[in-house]
Amino acid sequence: MTAAPDTMQPFDSIIGRWRTSGTVLDEHGQPVAEIDGTDEYEWMPGGMWVIHRVDVTIGDDHVHALELIGEHIPETNTYVMRAFDGSGSFGAMTAHPNTDGSWTFLGDRMRSTLWPSEDRSSMTARWERQIDSGTWLHWMDMGFAAIAY
């Protein structure tokens, strides 16, 4: 493991390889697709970045993505997240650690709260998406079971 600088230490709670599962919901809260695969969060040498690899199926779609998390912004205690996927799409979000040990991820018309367990054996996440009216809709529920850390 790489020793991370103090500003990056909050990510210790999610570092590891995770078995990912979940459900995608439609605008009425009904399940429309299952999520299955793996997520991996690891320190980049030097400890200034976290590398997040995604390899999941969502319904019939296979999704590969790579995300770099770092660039701490002290004024807001947020971190910049830059994501790239196998289809050529890319985007940015921010990550904010909360006092209860959870994380808030915020992007363009989407947000998530991630709750790592204290013993690092599991995590859960709830995703929401914003529709044109400005209303936030429950979008995905995800669970993560530790494979290794």
N, C-alpha and C. Protein backbone atom coordinates (compact mmCIF):
# COMPACT_ATOMS: atom_id res chain seq x y z
N MET A 1 0.83 -1.18 0.00
CA MET A 1 0.00 0.00 0.00
C MET A 1 0.87 1.24 0.00
N THR A 2 0.40 2.25 -0.65
CA THR A 2 1.07 3.54 -0.69
C THR A 2 0.60 4.38 0.48
N ALA A 3 1.54 5.05 1.15
CA ALA A 3 1.16 5.96 2.22
C ALA A 3 0.61 7.23 1.59
N ALA A 4 -0.62 7.54 1.89
CA ALA A 4 -1.27 8.70 1.29
C ALA A 4 -1.04 9.94 2.16
N PRO A 5 -0.95 11.10 1.53
CA PRO A 5 -0.86 12.33 2.31
C PRO A 5 -2.13 12.51 3.15
N ASP A 6 -2.04 13.33 4.19
CA ASP A 6 -3.17 13.54 5.09
C ASP A 6 -4.45 13.92 4.36
N THR A 7 -4.36 14.74 3.32
CA THR A 7 -5.57 15.17 2.62
C THR A 7 -6.28 14.02 1.92
N MET A 8 -5.58 12.94 1.63
CA MET A 8 -6.16 11.80 0.92
C MET A 8 -6.59 10.67 1.86
N GLN A 9 -6.22 10.74 3.13
CA GLN A 9 -6.53 9.67 4.08
C GLN A 9 -8.00 9.26 4.16
N PRO A 10 -8.96 10.18 3.97
CA PRO A 10 -10.37 9.74 4.05
C PRO A 10 -10.72 8.61 3.08
N PHE A 11 -9.96 8.46 2.00
CA PHE A 11 -10.26 7.42 1.02
C PHE A 11 -9.88 6.02 1.50
N ASP A 12 -9.14 5.91 2.58
CA ASP A 12 -8.77 4.58 3.10
C ASP A 12 -9.98 3.67 3.27
N SER A 13 -11.13 4.26 3.61
CA SER A 13 -12.31 3.44 3.89
C SER A 13 -12.89 2.75 2.66
N ILE A 14 -12.51 3.20 1.46
CA ILE A 14 -13.06 2.57 0.24
C ILE A 14 -12.00 1.85 -0.58
N ILE A 15 -10.74 1.94 -0.18
CA ILE A 15 -9.67 1.27 -0.93
C ILE A 15 -9.88 -0.24 -0.84
N GLY A 16 -9.86 -0.89 -2.00
CA GLY A 16 -10.00 -2.33 -2.05
C GLY A 16 -10.71 -2.77 -3.31
N ARG A 17 -10.90 -4.07 -3.41
CA ARG A 17 -11.61 -4.67 -4.55
C ARG A 17 -12.97 -5.12 -4.03
N TRP A 18 -14.03 -4.80 -4.76
CA TRP A 18 -15.40 -5.00 -4.30
C TRP A 18 -16.23 -5.76 -5.32
N ARG A 19 -17.02 -6.69 -4.85
CA ARG A 19 -18.05 -7.36 -5.65
C ARG A 19 -19.25 -6.43 -5.66
N THR A 20 -19.66 -5.99 -6.84
CA THR A 20 -20.69 -4.97 -6.99
C THR A 20 -22.00 -5.58 -7.46
N SER A 21 -23.08 -5.17 -6.83
CA SER A 21 -24.41 -5.60 -7.27
C SER A 21 -25.37 -4.43 -7.04
N GLY A 22 -26.49 -4.47 -7.75
CA GLY A 22 -27.45 -3.40 -7.55
C GLY A 22 -28.60 -3.46 -8.51
N THR A 23 -29.43 -2.43 -8.43
CA THR A 23 -30.64 -2.33 -9.24
C THR A 23 -30.78 -0.91 -9.76
N VAL A 24 -31.11 -0.79 -11.05
CA VAL A 24 -31.44 0.50 -11.66
C VAL A 24 -32.95 0.63 -11.66
N LEU A 25 -33.43 1.82 -11.31
CA LEU A 25 -34.87 2.07 -11.20
C LEU A 25 -35.34 3.05 -12.27
N ASP A 26 -36.58 2.89 -12.71
CA ASP A 26 -37.15 3.85 -13.66
C ASP A 26 -37.71 5.05 -12.90
N GLU A 27 -38.35 5.98 -13.61
CA GLU A 27 -38.85 7.20 -12.98
C GLU A 27 -39.97 6.95 -11.97
N HIS A 28 -40.53 5.74 -11.96
CA HIS A 28 -41.58 5.38 -11.01
C HIS A 28 -41.05 4.53 -9.86
N GLY A 29 -39.71 4.32 -9.83
CA GLY A 29 -39.11 3.53 -8.78
C GLY A 29 -39.16 2.04 -9.00
N GLN A 30 -39.50 1.62 -10.23
CA GLN A 30 -39.58 0.20 -10.55
C GLN A 30 -38.24 -0.30 -11.11
N PRO A 31 -37.81 -1.49 -10.72
CA PRO A 31 -36.55 -2.04 -11.24
C PRO A 31 -36.60 -2.23 -12.76
N VAL A 32 -35.54 -1.79 -13.44
CA VAL A 32 -35.46 -1.96 -14.90
C VAL A 32 -34.19 -2.70 -15.33
N ALA A 33 -33.19 -2.78 -14.45
CA ALA A 33 -31.95 -3.48 -14.80
C ALA A 33 -31.20 -3.85 -13.53
N GLU A 34 -30.47 -4.95 -13.62
CA GLU A 34 -29.62 -5.38 -12.52
C GLU A 34 -28.17 -5.00 -12.83
N ILE A 35 -27.41 -4.74 -11.78
CA ILE A 35 -26.00 -4.40 -11.88
C ILE A 35 -25.20 -5.53 -11.25
N ASP A 36 -24.13 -5.97 -11.93
CA ASP A 36 -23.30 -7.04 -11.40
C ASP A 36 -21.88 -6.87 -11.93
N GLY A 37 -20.89 -6.99 -11.06
CA GLY A 37 -19.51 -6.89 -11.52
C GLY A 37 -18.56 -6.59 -10.37
N THR A 38 -17.53 -5.79 -10.68
CA THR A 38 -16.53 -5.42 -9.68
C THR A 38 -16.17 -3.94 -9.80
N ASP A 39 -15.81 -3.39 -8.66
CA ASP A 39 -15.22 -2.06 -8.56
C ASP A 39 -13.92 -2.22 -7.79
N GLU A 40 -12.93 -1.45 -8.17
CA GLU A 40 -11.65 -1.50 -7.47
C GLU A 40 -11.16 -0.07 -7.26
N TYR A 41 -10.81 0.23 -6.01
CA TYR A 41 -10.22 1.52 -5.65
C TYR A 41 -8.81 1.23 -5.14
N GLU A 42 -7.81 1.86 -5.75
CA GLU A 42 -6.44 1.64 -5.30
C GLU A 42 -5.66 2.94 -5.33
N TRP A 43 -4.62 2.99 -4.51
CA TRP A 43 -3.75 4.15 -4.49
C TRP A 43 -2.83 4.16 -5.70
N MET A 44 -2.72 5.29 -6.37
CA MET A 44 -1.69 5.46 -7.38
C MET A 44 -0.38 5.67 -6.61
N PRO A 45 0.74 5.13 -7.11
CA PRO A 45 2.00 5.36 -6.41
C PRO A 45 2.18 6.85 -6.10
N GLY A 46 2.60 7.14 -4.90
CA GLY A 46 2.74 8.51 -4.44
C GLY A 46 1.59 8.94 -3.55
N GLY A 47 0.45 8.25 -3.66
CA GLY A 47 -0.68 8.50 -2.78
C GLY A 47 -1.46 9.77 -3.02
N MET A 48 -1.24 10.44 -4.14
CA MET A 48 -1.95 11.69 -4.42
C MET A 48 -3.24 11.47 -5.20
N TRP A 49 -3.44 10.27 -5.72
CA TRP A 49 -4.63 9.95 -6.51
C TRP A 49 -5.14 8.58 -6.12
N VAL A 50 -6.45 8.41 -6.23
CA VAL A 50 -7.07 7.09 -6.12
C VAL A 50 -7.51 6.71 -7.52
N ILE A 51 -7.18 5.50 -7.93
CA ILE A 51 -7.61 4.96 -9.22
C ILE A 51 -8.84 4.09 -8.96
N HIS A 52 -9.92 4.36 -9.66
CA HIS A 52 -11.16 3.58 -9.51
C HIS A 52 -11.43 2.90 -10.85
N ARG A 53 -11.44 1.57 -10.83
CA ARG A 53 -11.76 0.78 -12.03
C ARG A 53 -13.13 0.15 -11.86
N VAL A 54 -13.94 0.25 -12.90
CA VAL A 54 -15.28 -0.31 -12.91
C VAL A 54 -15.38 -1.34 -14.01
N ASP A 55 -15.90 -2.52 -13.70
CA ASP A 55 -16.15 -3.57 -14.67
C ASP A 55 -17.46 -4.23 -14.28
N VAL A 56 -18.57 -3.71 -14.83
CA VAL A 56 -19.89 -4.19 -14.45
C VAL A 56 -20.77 -4.40 -15.67
N THR A 57 -21.79 -5.21 -15.48
CA THR A 57 -22.88 -5.26 -16.45
C THR A 57 -24.06 -4.54 -15.82
N ILE A 58 -24.73 -3.75 -16.65
CA ILE A 58 -25.96 -3.07 -16.24
C ILE A 58 -26.99 -3.52 -17.25
N GLY A 59 -27.86 -4.44 -16.82
CA GLY A 59 -28.77 -5.07 -17.77
C GLY A 59 -27.96 -5.84 -18.79
N ASP A 60 -28.11 -5.52 -20.08
CA ASP A 60 -27.36 -6.18 -21.14
C ASP A 60 -26.08 -5.45 -21.52
N ASP A 61 -25.80 -4.32 -20.90
CA ASP A 61 -24.63 -3.51 -21.25
C ASP A 61 -23.45 -3.83 -20.35
N HIS A 62 -22.28 -4.01 -20.97
CA HIS A 62 -21.05 -4.21 -20.21
C HIS A 62 -20.34 -2.86 -20.15
N VAL A 63 -20.06 -2.41 -18.94
CA VAL A 63 -19.47 -1.08 -18.73
C VAL A 63 -18.08 -1.22 -18.12
N HIS A 64 -17.10 -0.63 -18.80
CA HIS A 64 -15.74 -0.49 -18.27
C HIS A 64 -15.49 0.99 -18.09
N ALA A 65 -14.98 1.37 -16.94
CA ALA A 65 -14.68 2.78 -16.69
C ALA A 65 -13.43 2.89 -15.83
N LEU A 66 -12.77 4.02 -15.98
CA LEU A 66 -11.59 4.35 -15.19
C LEU A 66 -11.82 5.75 -14.64
N GLU A 67 -11.56 5.90 -13.36
CA GLU A 67 -11.75 7.20 -12.73
C GLU A 67 -10.51 7.54 -11.92
N LEU A 68 -10.11 8.79 -11.97
CA LEU A 68 -9.02 9.29 -11.14
C LEU A 68 -9.62 10.27 -10.14
N ILE A 69 -9.32 10.05 -8.87
CA ILE A 69 -9.87 10.87 -7.80
C ILE A 69 -8.71 11.52 -7.06
N GLY A 70 -8.78 12.81 -6.90
CA GLY A 70 -7.74 13.54 -6.17
C GLY A 70 -8.00 15.03 -6.24
N GLU A 71 -6.93 15.80 -6.31
CA GLU A 71 -7.03 17.25 -6.40
C GLU A 71 -7.99 17.78 -5.32
N HIS A 72 -7.51 17.76 -4.10
CA HIS A 72 -8.28 18.23 -2.95
C HIS A 72 -8.47 19.74 -3.03
N ILE A 73 -9.71 20.19 -2.78
CA ILE A 73 -10.03 21.61 -2.75
C ILE A 73 -10.34 21.95 -1.28
N PRO A 74 -9.36 22.54 -0.57
CA PRO A 74 -9.51 22.74 0.88
C PRO A 74 -10.72 23.60 1.27
N GLU A 75 -11.05 24.61 0.48
CA GLU A 75 -12.14 25.52 0.85
C GLU A 75 -13.48 24.80 0.99
N THR A 76 -13.69 23.76 0.22
CA THR A 76 -14.96 23.02 0.27
C THR A 76 -14.78 21.59 0.77
N ASN A 77 -13.54 21.20 1.06
CA ASN A 77 -13.19 19.83 1.44
C ASN A 77 -13.77 18.83 0.45
N THR A 78 -13.59 19.12 -0.83
CA THR A 78 -14.02 18.22 -1.89
C THR A 78 -12.82 17.77 -2.70
N TYR A 79 -13.05 16.72 -3.48
CA TYR A 79 -12.03 16.15 -4.34
C TYR A 79 -12.61 16.06 -5.74
N VAL A 80 -11.78 16.33 -6.74
CA VAL A 80 -12.22 16.23 -8.13
C VAL A 80 -12.13 14.77 -8.56
N MET A 81 -13.16 14.32 -9.28
CA MET A 81 -13.22 12.96 -9.83
C MET A 81 -13.36 13.09 -11.34
N ARG A 82 -12.46 12.46 -12.08
CA ARG A 82 -12.53 12.49 -13.54
C ARG A 82 -12.71 11.05 -14.04
N ALA A 83 -13.78 10.83 -14.80
CA ALA A 83 -14.14 9.48 -15.23
C ALA A 83 -14.10 9.36 -16.75
N PHE A 84 -13.68 8.19 -17.21
CA PHE A 84 -13.59 7.87 -18.63
C PHE A 84 -14.14 6.46 -18.81
N ASP A 85 -14.96 6.23 -19.86
CA ASP A 85 -15.48 4.87 -20.04
C ASP A 85 -15.14 4.33 -21.42
N GLY A 86 -15.43 3.05 -21.59
CA GLY A 86 -15.08 2.34 -22.81
C GLY A 86 -15.81 2.83 -24.04
N SER A 87 -16.88 3.59 -23.88
CA SER A 87 -17.61 4.11 -25.04
C SER A 87 -17.04 5.42 -25.55
N GLY A 88 -16.05 5.96 -24.83
CA GLY A 88 -15.47 7.24 -25.20
C GLY A 88 -16.02 8.41 -24.42
N SER A 89 -16.98 8.16 -23.55
CA SER A 89 -17.55 9.23 -22.72
C SER A 89 -16.60 9.59 -21.59
N PHE A 90 -16.69 10.83 -21.14
CA PHE A 90 -15.90 11.27 -20.00
C PHE A 90 -16.68 12.33 -19.25
N GLY A 91 -16.32 12.52 -18.00
CA GLY A 91 -17.02 13.52 -17.20
C GLY A 91 -16.29 13.79 -15.90
N ALA A 92 -16.82 14.72 -15.14
CA ALA A 92 -16.23 15.08 -13.86
C ALA A 92 -17.32 15.14 -12.80
N MET A 93 -16.92 14.79 -11.60
CA MET A 93 -17.79 14.88 -10.43
C MET A 93 -16.93 15.39 -9.28
N THR A 94 -17.54 15.60 -8.14
CA THR A 94 -16.79 15.90 -6.93
C THR A 94 -17.16 14.88 -5.86
N ALA A 95 -16.22 14.65 -4.96
CA ALA A 95 -16.42 13.76 -3.82
C ALA A 95 -16.24 14.58 -2.55
N HIS A 96 -17.13 14.37 -1.59
CA HIS A 96 -17.05 15.09 -0.32
C HIS A 96 -17.22 14.09 0.82
N PRO A 97 -16.23 13.99 1.72
CA PRO A 97 -16.40 13.11 2.88
C PRO A 97 -17.32 13.78 3.90
N ASN A 98 -18.23 13.01 4.46
CA ASN A 98 -19.17 13.51 5.47
C ASN A 98 -18.72 13.10 6.86
N THR A 99 -19.19 13.80 7.88
CA THR A 99 -18.76 13.54 9.25
C THR A 99 -19.16 12.16 9.76
N ASP A 100 -20.19 11.55 9.15
CA ASP A 100 -20.63 10.21 9.59
C ASP A 100 -19.86 9.08 8.91
N GLY A 101 -18.82 9.41 8.11
CA GLY A 101 -18.03 8.40 7.42
C GLY A 101 -18.52 8.09 6.02
N SER A 102 -19.66 8.65 5.63
CA SER A 102 -20.17 8.45 4.27
C SER A 102 -19.50 9.43 3.31
N TRP A 103 -19.77 9.24 2.04
CA TRP A 103 -19.28 10.12 0.98
C TRP A 103 -20.45 10.63 0.17
N THR A 104 -20.37 11.87 -0.31
CA THR A 104 -21.33 12.40 -1.26
C THR A 104 -20.60 12.65 -2.56
N PHE A 105 -21.12 12.08 -3.65
CA PHE A 105 -20.59 12.30 -4.99
C PHE A 105 -21.60 13.13 -5.76
N LEU A 106 -21.13 14.19 -6.40
CA LEU A 106 -22.03 15.10 -7.10
C LEU A 106 -21.50 15.35 -8.50
N GLY A 107 -22.36 15.16 -9.50
CA GLY A 107 -22.01 15.40 -10.89
C GLY A 107 -23.11 16.17 -11.58
N ASP A 108 -23.04 16.21 -12.89
CA ASP A 108 -24.04 16.91 -13.69
C ASP A 108 -25.35 16.15 -13.63
N ARG A 109 -26.29 16.65 -12.85
CA ARG A 109 -27.63 16.08 -12.73
C ARG A 109 -27.66 14.68 -12.13
N MET A 110 -26.63 14.37 -11.33
CA MET A 110 -26.63 13.11 -10.60
C MET A 110 -25.88 13.30 -9.29
N ARG A 111 -26.29 12.51 -8.29
CA ARG A 111 -25.61 12.53 -7.00
C ARG A 111 -25.77 11.17 -6.34
N SER A 112 -24.86 10.91 -5.44
CA SER A 112 -24.87 9.62 -4.75
C SER A 112 -24.35 9.81 -3.34
N THR A 113 -24.84 8.96 -2.44
CA THR A 113 -24.26 8.84 -1.11
C THR A 113 -23.76 7.41 -0.98
N LEU A 114 -22.51 7.28 -0.55
CA LEU A 114 -21.85 5.98 -0.38
C LEU A 114 -21.56 5.81 1.10
N TRP A 115 -21.99 4.68 1.66
CA TRP A 115 -21.78 4.38 3.07
C TRP A 115 -20.86 3.17 3.21
N PRO A 116 -19.56 3.36 3.51
CA PRO A 116 -18.69 2.22 3.81
C PRO A 116 -18.96 1.72 5.23
N SER A 117 -18.91 0.41 5.42
CA SER A 117 -19.08 -0.13 6.77
C SER A 117 -17.80 0.12 7.58
N GLU A 118 -17.94 0.19 8.89
CA GLU A 118 -16.79 0.45 9.75
C GLU A 118 -15.73 -0.63 9.65
N ASP A 119 -16.16 -1.87 9.42
CA ASP A 119 -15.20 -2.98 9.37
C ASP A 119 -14.64 -3.21 7.96
N ARG A 120 -15.00 -2.35 7.01
CA ARG A 120 -14.50 -2.39 5.62
C ARG A 120 -14.94 -3.65 4.87
N SER A 121 -15.98 -4.32 5.33
CA SER A 121 -16.43 -5.53 4.66
C SER A 121 -17.47 -5.26 3.58
N SER A 122 -18.10 -4.08 3.63
CA SER A 122 -19.16 -3.78 2.67
C SER A 122 -19.36 -2.27 2.53
N MET A 123 -20.09 -1.92 1.49
CA MET A 123 -20.51 -0.54 1.27
C MET A 123 -21.89 -0.59 0.62
N THR A 124 -22.66 0.48 0.78
CA THR A 124 -23.92 0.63 0.06
C THR A 124 -23.93 2.03 -0.55
N ALA A 125 -24.68 2.18 -1.64
CA ALA A 125 -24.80 3.48 -2.28
C ALA A 125 -26.21 3.67 -2.81
N ARG A 126 -26.66 4.90 -2.73
CA ARG A 126 -27.94 5.30 -3.31
C ARG A 126 -27.65 6.43 -4.30
N TRP A 127 -28.05 6.21 -5.54
CA TRP A 127 -27.87 7.20 -6.60
C TRP A 127 -29.19 7.87 -6.93
N GLU A 128 -29.12 9.15 -7.24
CA GLU A 128 -30.28 9.91 -7.68
C GLU A 128 -29.91 10.66 -8.95
N ARG A 129 -30.91 10.92 -9.78
CA ARG A 129 -30.70 11.74 -10.98
C ARG A 129 -31.72 12.85 -10.98
N GLN A 130 -31.30 13.98 -11.53
CA GLN A 130 -32.17 15.15 -11.56
C GLN A 130 -32.87 15.25 -12.90
N ILE A 131 -34.20 15.39 -12.86
CA ILE A 131 -34.96 15.53 -14.11
C ILE A 131 -35.13 17.01 -14.43
N ASP A 132 -35.68 17.30 -15.61
CA ASP A 132 -35.79 18.68 -16.10
C ASP A 132 -36.48 19.63 -15.13
N SER A 133 -37.43 19.14 -14.36
CA SER A 133 -38.15 20.00 -13.40
C SER A 133 -37.29 20.38 -12.21
N GLY A 134 -36.12 19.75 -12.06
CA GLY A 134 -35.26 20.00 -10.91
C GLY A 134 -35.43 18.99 -9.80
N THR A 135 -36.42 18.12 -9.92
CA THR A 135 -36.69 17.09 -8.92
C THR A 135 -35.62 16.00 -9.00
N TRP A 136 -35.22 15.50 -7.83
CA TRP A 136 -34.29 14.38 -7.76
C TRP A 136 -35.08 13.09 -7.64
N LEU A 137 -34.76 12.12 -8.53
CA LEU A 137 -35.41 10.81 -8.52
C LEU A 137 -34.42 9.74 -8.07
N HIS A 138 -34.92 8.82 -7.25
CA HIS A 138 -34.14 7.64 -6.85
C HIS A 138 -33.82 6.87 -8.13
N TRP A 139 -32.54 6.58 -8.38
CA TRP A 139 -32.11 6.03 -9.65
C TRP A 139 -31.50 4.63 -9.51
N MET A 140 -30.60 4.46 -8.54
CA MET A 140 -29.92 3.16 -8.38
C MET A 140 -29.66 2.90 -6.91
N ASP A 141 -29.73 1.63 -6.55
CA ASP A 141 -29.26 1.14 -5.25
C ASP A 141 -28.14 0.15 -5.54
N MET A 142 -27.03 0.32 -4.83
CA MET A 142 -25.88 -0.55 -5.06
C MET A 142 -25.34 -1.08 -3.75
N GLY A 143 -24.79 -2.27 -3.82
CA GLY A 143 -24.10 -2.88 -2.69
C GLY A 143 -22.74 -3.35 -3.13
N PHE A 144 -21.80 -3.32 -2.20
CA PHE A 144 -20.43 -3.74 -2.49
C PHE A 144 -19.96 -4.64 -1.36
N ALA A 145 -19.46 -5.81 -1.70
CA ALA A 145 -18.91 -6.75 -0.72
C ALA A 145 -17.41 -6.85 -0.96
N ALA A 146 -16.64 -6.69 0.09
CA ALA A 146 -15.18 -6.68 -0.03
C ALA A 146 -14.67 -8.03 -0.55
N ILE A 147 -13.83 -7.96 -1.56
CA ILE A 147 -13.12 -9.14 -2.06
C ILE A 147 -11.73 -9.13 -1.45
N ALA A 148 -11.08 -7.96 -1.44
CA ALA A 148 -9.74 -7.79 -0.88
C ALA A 148 -9.49 -6.32 -0.63
N TYR A 149 -8.66 -6.04 0.36
CA TYR A 149 -8.21 -4.66 0.60
C TYR A 149 -6.87 -4.67 1.27
